[in-house]
Amino acid sequence: NGSGTQIAVLIILAAVAFFGSILLAVFFLAEDTLDTFVYILVMIQQVIQIGSEASRLMPETIQQGFALMSLVLFDYNFIRPGCAVGILTFPSVYGGYLVVSFVFVVLFLLASTLRSYIL
């Protein structure tokens, strides 16, 4: 199914962009710049969350836009236990999220450790 594949690609791209930007920021940015970067990410997440809730009363196009942006929050409300969207099943999305999160934690710890020795 084409739409299931597109959703899978969007989820992977969102995870790589989100986790990758944090990982690079932890390793390369100065402390004050890193604080600002994290603050901006949190604000973006809040805007997306609020917009997702408010968009329920707006046209479908806006709802779909906020649904796509909610991938940044890892809010996969399009899939529930027992259902599937194309190639995506609930166990595959949940398992994938756990694997990506674990890999990110390991890379984050590695970047933090290297940062403390280099900087």
N, C-alpha and C. Protein backbone atom coordinates (compact mmCIF):
# COMPACT_ATOMS: atom_id res chain seq x y z
N ASN A 1 0.84 -1.18 0.00
CA ASN A 1 0.00 0.00 0.00
C ASN A 1 0.88 1.24 0.00
N GLY A 2 0.63 2.16 -0.93
CA GLY A 2 1.45 3.35 -1.07
C GLY A 2 1.37 4.29 0.11
N SER A 3 0.17 4.49 0.66
CA SER A 3 0.03 5.43 1.78
C SER A 3 0.71 4.89 3.04
N GLY A 4 0.65 3.57 3.26
CA GLY A 4 1.34 2.98 4.40
C GLY A 4 2.84 3.15 4.30
N THR A 5 3.38 2.99 3.10
CA THR A 5 4.81 3.18 2.89
C THR A 5 5.19 4.63 3.09
N GLN A 6 4.36 5.55 2.62
CA GLN A 6 4.64 6.98 2.81
C GLN A 6 4.63 7.35 4.29
N ILE A 7 3.70 6.79 5.02
CA ILE A 7 3.65 7.06 6.47
C ILE A 7 4.89 6.51 7.16
N ALA A 8 5.31 5.30 6.76
CA ALA A 8 6.51 4.71 7.35
C ALA A 8 7.73 5.58 7.07
N VAL A 9 7.85 6.07 5.86
CA VAL A 9 8.98 6.93 5.49
C VAL A 9 8.92 8.23 6.29
N LEU A 10 7.74 8.81 6.45
CA LEU A 10 7.60 10.04 7.23
C LEU A 10 7.99 9.82 8.69
N ILE A 11 7.59 8.69 9.25
CA ILE A 11 7.95 8.39 10.64
C ILE A 11 9.47 8.26 10.79
N ILE A 12 10.09 7.56 9.87
CA ILE A 12 11.55 7.39 9.93
C ILE A 12 12.25 8.73 9.76
N LEU A 13 11.81 9.54 8.80
CA LEU A 13 12.42 10.85 8.60
C LEU A 13 12.23 11.76 9.81
N ALA A 14 11.05 11.72 10.41
CA ALA A 14 10.80 12.54 11.60
C ALA A 14 11.71 12.12 12.75
N ALA A 15 11.86 10.82 12.95
CA ALA A 15 12.72 10.33 14.03
C ALA A 15 14.17 10.71 13.79
N VAL A 16 14.64 10.54 12.56
CA VAL A 16 16.04 10.88 12.24
C VAL A 16 16.27 12.38 12.41
N ALA A 17 15.33 13.19 11.92
CA ALA A 17 15.49 14.64 12.03
C ALA A 17 15.46 15.09 13.49
N PHE A 18 14.50 14.59 14.26
CA PHE A 18 14.36 15.01 15.65
C PHE A 18 15.55 14.54 16.49
N PHE A 19 15.80 13.25 16.47
CA PHE A 19 16.89 12.71 17.28
C PHE A 19 18.25 13.19 16.78
N GLY A 20 18.40 13.25 15.46
CA GLY A 20 19.67 13.70 14.89
C GLY A 20 20.00 15.13 15.24
N SER A 21 18.99 16.01 15.21
CA SER A 21 19.25 17.41 15.55
C SER A 21 19.64 17.55 17.02
N ILE A 22 18.99 16.80 17.89
CA ILE A 22 19.35 16.86 19.31
C ILE A 22 20.76 16.31 19.52
N LEU A 23 21.06 15.20 18.88
CA LEU A 23 22.38 14.59 19.02
C LEU A 23 23.48 15.54 18.55
N LEU A 24 23.31 16.15 17.39
CA LEU A 24 24.30 17.09 16.88
C LEU A 24 24.40 18.32 17.78
N ALA A 25 23.28 18.79 18.29
CA ALA A 25 23.30 19.94 19.19
C ALA A 25 24.07 19.64 20.47
N VAL A 26 23.84 18.46 21.04
CA VAL A 26 24.53 18.08 22.28
C VAL A 26 26.04 18.03 22.05
N PHE A 27 26.44 17.55 20.91
CA PHE A 27 27.87 17.38 20.66
C PHE A 27 28.55 18.69 20.25
N PHE A 28 27.88 19.53 19.46
CA PHE A 28 28.58 20.66 18.86
C PHE A 28 28.26 22.03 19.45
N LEU A 29 27.11 22.23 20.04
CA LEU A 29 26.73 23.58 20.47
C LEU A 29 27.28 23.92 21.85
N ALA A 30 27.57 25.19 22.03
CA ALA A 30 27.98 25.69 23.35
C ALA A 30 26.78 25.60 24.29
N GLU A 31 27.04 25.64 25.58
CA GLU A 31 25.97 25.43 26.57
C GLU A 31 24.81 26.40 26.41
N ASP A 32 25.11 27.69 26.28
CA ASP A 32 24.01 28.65 26.16
C ASP A 32 23.23 28.47 24.86
N THR A 33 23.92 28.13 23.78
CA THR A 33 23.25 27.88 22.50
C THR A 33 22.44 26.58 22.58
N LEU A 34 22.96 25.59 23.27
CA LEU A 34 22.25 24.33 23.46
C LEU A 34 20.97 24.56 24.26
N ASP A 35 21.04 25.39 25.29
CA ASP A 35 19.84 25.73 26.07
C ASP A 35 18.78 26.35 25.17
N THR A 36 19.19 27.29 24.33
CA THR A 36 18.26 27.94 23.41
C THR A 36 17.68 26.94 22.42
N PHE A 37 18.51 26.05 21.91
CA PHE A 37 18.06 25.04 20.95
C PHE A 37 16.98 24.14 21.57
N VAL A 38 17.23 23.66 22.78
CA VAL A 38 16.26 22.80 23.45
C VAL A 38 14.98 23.57 23.74
N TYR A 39 15.12 24.83 24.15
CA TYR A 39 13.94 25.66 24.40
C TYR A 39 13.09 25.80 23.13
N ILE A 40 13.73 26.02 22.00
CA ILE A 40 13.01 26.15 20.73
C ILE A 40 12.32 24.84 20.37
N LEU A 41 12.99 23.70 20.55
CA LEU A 41 12.36 22.41 20.28
C LEU A 41 11.12 22.19 21.14
N VAL A 42 11.21 22.53 22.41
CA VAL A 42 10.07 22.36 23.32
C VAL A 42 8.93 23.27 22.89
N MET A 43 9.24 24.50 22.49
CA MET A 43 8.20 25.43 22.04
C MET A 43 7.52 24.91 20.77
N ILE A 44 8.31 24.37 19.84
CA ILE A 44 7.74 23.81 18.61
C ILE A 44 6.79 22.65 18.96
N GLN A 45 7.21 21.80 19.88
CA GLN A 45 6.35 20.69 20.28
C GLN A 45 5.05 21.20 20.90
N GLN A 46 5.13 22.24 21.70
CA GLN A 46 3.92 22.78 22.32
C GLN A 46 2.99 23.39 21.27
N VAL A 47 3.54 24.10 20.31
CA VAL A 47 2.72 24.68 19.24
C VAL A 47 2.03 23.58 18.45
N ILE A 48 2.76 22.51 18.15
CA ILE A 48 2.17 21.40 17.40
C ILE A 48 1.06 20.74 18.21
N GLN A 49 1.30 20.51 19.49
CA GLN A 49 0.29 19.87 20.34
C GLN A 49 -0.96 20.73 20.44
N ILE A 50 -0.79 22.00 20.70
CA ILE A 50 -1.94 22.91 20.81
C ILE A 50 -2.65 23.03 19.47
N GLY A 51 -1.86 23.14 18.40
CA GLY A 51 -2.45 23.24 17.06
C GLY A 51 -3.22 21.99 16.68
N SER A 52 -2.71 20.83 17.08
CA SER A 52 -3.41 19.57 16.79
C SER A 52 -4.76 19.54 17.47
N GLU A 53 -4.82 19.99 18.70
CA GLU A 53 -6.09 20.01 19.43
C GLU A 53 -7.04 21.04 18.82
N ALA A 54 -6.52 22.23 18.51
CA ALA A 54 -7.37 23.30 17.98
C ALA A 54 -7.81 23.03 16.55
N SER A 55 -7.02 22.27 15.79
CA SER A 55 -7.33 22.06 14.38
C SER A 55 -8.54 21.17 14.17
N ARG A 56 -9.01 20.52 15.21
CA ARG A 56 -10.20 19.66 15.09
C ARG A 56 -11.42 20.45 14.64
N LEU A 57 -11.40 21.74 14.88
CA LEU A 57 -12.51 22.61 14.49
C LEU A 57 -12.24 23.33 13.17
N MET A 58 -11.12 23.02 12.52
CA MET A 58 -10.71 23.71 11.30
C MET A 58 -10.88 22.79 10.09
N PRO A 59 -10.66 23.34 8.89
CA PRO A 59 -10.79 22.52 7.68
C PRO A 59 -9.86 21.30 7.70
N GLU A 60 -10.24 20.28 6.93
CA GLU A 60 -9.51 19.01 6.93
C GLU A 60 -8.05 19.17 6.53
N THR A 61 -7.75 20.10 5.62
CA THR A 61 -6.37 20.31 5.19
C THR A 61 -5.49 20.72 6.36
N ILE A 62 -5.99 21.60 7.19
CA ILE A 62 -5.23 22.05 8.37
C ILE A 62 -5.07 20.90 9.35
N GLN A 63 -6.13 20.10 9.52
CA GLN A 63 -6.06 18.94 10.40
C GLN A 63 -4.97 17.97 9.93
N GLN A 64 -4.91 17.73 8.62
CA GLN A 64 -3.90 16.82 8.08
C GLN A 64 -2.50 17.38 8.26
N GLY A 65 -2.35 18.70 8.11
CA GLY A 65 -1.04 19.32 8.32
C GLY A 65 -0.54 19.14 9.74
N PHE A 66 -1.43 19.36 10.71
CA PHE A 66 -1.03 19.18 12.10
C PHE A 66 -0.82 17.70 12.42
N ALA A 67 -1.55 16.81 11.76
CA ALA A 67 -1.33 15.37 11.96
C ALA A 67 0.06 14.98 11.50
N LEU A 68 0.50 15.53 10.37
CA LEU A 68 1.86 15.24 9.90
C LEU A 68 2.91 15.84 10.85
N MET A 69 2.66 17.06 11.29
CA MET A 69 3.61 17.69 12.21
C MET A 69 3.67 16.97 13.55
N SER A 70 2.59 16.29 13.92
CA SER A 70 2.58 15.59 15.20
C SER A 70 3.53 14.40 15.21
N LEU A 71 4.04 14.03 14.05
CA LEU A 71 5.06 12.97 14.01
C LEU A 71 6.29 13.38 14.81
N VAL A 72 6.56 14.69 14.86
CA VAL A 72 7.68 15.20 15.66
C VAL A 72 7.50 14.84 17.13
N LEU A 73 6.25 14.79 17.57
CA LEU A 73 5.94 14.46 18.96
C LEU A 73 5.83 12.95 19.17
N PHE A 74 6.00 12.20 18.10
CA PHE A 74 5.81 10.74 18.14
C PHE A 74 4.41 10.40 18.62
N ASP A 75 3.45 11.19 18.15
CA ASP A 75 2.04 10.98 18.47
C ASP A 75 1.43 10.22 17.30
N TYR A 76 1.51 8.93 17.36
CA TYR A 76 1.05 8.10 16.25
C TYR A 76 -0.40 7.70 16.47
N ASN A 77 -1.29 8.68 16.50
CA ASN A 77 -2.69 8.40 16.77
C ASN A 77 -3.43 7.79 15.59
N PHE A 78 -2.72 7.62 14.46
CA PHE A 78 -3.36 7.01 13.31
C PHE A 78 -3.39 5.49 13.41
N ILE A 79 -2.74 4.92 14.40
CA ILE A 79 -2.70 3.47 14.52
C ILE A 79 -2.98 3.07 15.97
N ARG A 80 -3.78 2.05 16.14
CA ARG A 80 -4.18 1.56 17.45
C ARG A 80 -3.93 0.06 17.53
N PRO A 81 -3.87 -0.50 18.73
CA PRO A 81 -3.70 -1.95 18.84
C PRO A 81 -4.78 -2.69 18.04
N GLY A 82 -4.34 -3.68 17.28
CA GLY A 82 -5.28 -4.50 16.51
C GLY A 82 -5.55 -3.99 15.12
N CYS A 83 -4.99 -2.83 14.74
CA CYS A 83 -5.24 -2.33 13.38
C CYS A 83 -3.91 -2.14 12.66
N ALA A 84 -4.00 -1.89 11.38
CA ALA A 84 -2.82 -1.69 10.56
C ALA A 84 -3.09 -0.60 9.55
N VAL A 85 -2.04 0.14 9.20
CA VAL A 85 -2.10 1.15 8.15
C VAL A 85 -1.06 0.74 7.12
N GLY A 86 -1.52 0.14 6.03
CA GLY A 86 -0.59 -0.34 5.02
C GLY A 86 0.34 -1.39 5.60
N ILE A 87 1.63 -1.14 5.51
CA ILE A 87 2.63 -2.08 6.03
C ILE A 87 2.85 -1.93 7.52
N LEU A 88 2.25 -0.90 8.12
CA LEU A 88 2.46 -0.62 9.54
C LEU A 88 1.41 -1.31 10.40
N THR A 89 1.86 -2.06 11.35
CA THR A 89 0.97 -2.63 12.36
C THR A 89 1.33 -1.99 13.69
N PHE A 90 0.46 -2.09 14.64
CA PHE A 90 0.73 -1.50 15.95
C PHE A 90 2.02 -2.05 16.56
N PRO A 91 2.24 -3.39 16.56
CA PRO A 91 3.48 -3.90 17.14
C PRO A 91 4.73 -3.39 16.41
N SER A 92 4.66 -3.23 15.09
CA SER A 92 5.84 -2.75 14.36
C SER A 92 6.14 -1.28 14.68
N VAL A 93 5.10 -0.46 14.80
CA VAL A 93 5.31 0.95 15.15
C VAL A 93 5.84 1.06 16.58
N TYR A 94 5.23 0.34 17.50
CA TYR A 94 5.64 0.38 18.90
C TYR A 94 7.08 -0.15 19.06
N GLY A 95 7.34 -1.29 18.44
CA GLY A 95 8.69 -1.86 18.51
C GLY A 95 9.72 -0.96 17.88
N GLY A 96 9.38 -0.37 16.74
CA GLY A 96 10.29 0.56 16.08
C GLY A 96 10.59 1.77 16.94
N TYR A 97 9.55 2.28 17.60
CA TYR A 97 9.75 3.42 18.49
C TYR A 97 10.69 3.06 19.64
N LEU A 98 10.51 1.87 20.21
CA LEU A 98 11.39 1.45 21.30
C LEU A 98 12.84 1.30 20.84
N VAL A 99 13.03 0.72 19.66
CA VAL A 99 14.39 0.54 19.12
C VAL A 99 15.03 1.90 18.85
N VAL A 100 14.30 2.80 18.19
CA VAL A 100 14.84 4.13 17.89
C VAL A 100 15.17 4.87 19.18
N SER A 101 14.29 4.78 20.16
CA SER A 101 14.54 5.45 21.44
C SER A 101 15.78 4.90 22.14
N PHE A 102 15.95 3.57 22.13
CA PHE A 102 17.11 2.96 22.76
C PHE A 102 18.40 3.39 22.05
N VAL A 103 18.38 3.36 20.73
CA VAL A 103 19.56 3.77 19.96
C VAL A 103 19.89 5.23 20.26
N PHE A 104 18.86 6.07 20.33
CA PHE A 104 19.09 7.48 20.63
C PHE A 104 19.70 7.66 22.02
N VAL A 105 19.22 6.94 23.00
CA VAL A 105 19.76 7.05 24.36
C VAL A 105 21.24 6.68 24.36
N VAL A 106 21.60 5.60 23.68
CA VAL A 106 23.00 5.18 23.62
C VAL A 106 23.84 6.25 22.92
N LEU A 107 23.36 6.76 21.78
CA LEU A 107 24.10 7.80 21.05
C LEU A 107 24.18 9.10 21.86
N PHE A 108 23.11 9.44 22.56
CA PHE A 108 23.11 10.63 23.41
C PHE A 108 24.16 10.51 24.51
N LEU A 109 24.21 9.36 25.17
CA LEU A 109 25.21 9.14 26.23
C LEU A 109 26.62 9.20 25.66
N LEU A 110 26.81 8.62 24.48
CA LEU A 110 28.12 8.65 23.83
C LEU A 110 28.51 10.08 23.49
N ALA A 111 27.59 10.85 22.90
CA ALA A 111 27.89 12.24 22.55
C ALA A 111 28.16 13.08 23.79
N SER A 112 27.41 12.86 24.85
CA SER A 112 27.62 13.61 26.10
C SER A 112 28.98 13.28 26.70
N THR A 113 29.34 12.00 26.68
CA THR A 113 30.63 11.59 27.22
C THR A 113 31.77 12.17 26.39
N LEU A 114 31.66 12.07 25.07
CA LEU A 114 32.70 12.63 24.21
C LEU A 114 32.80 14.14 24.38
N ARG A 115 31.68 14.80 24.53
CA ARG A 115 31.67 16.24 24.72
C ARG A 115 32.42 16.62 25.99
N SER A 116 32.20 15.87 27.06
CA SER A 116 32.87 16.19 28.33
C SER A 116 34.37 16.01 28.24
N TYR A 117 34.84 15.10 27.40
CA TYR A 117 36.28 14.90 27.25
C TYR A 117 36.89 15.87 26.27
N ILE A 118 36.17 16.27 25.24
CA ILE A 118 36.70 17.16 24.20
C ILE A 118 36.58 18.62 24.61
N LEU A 119 35.43 18.99 25.15
CA LEU A 119 35.22 20.39 25.52
C LEU A 119 35.54 20.52 26.96
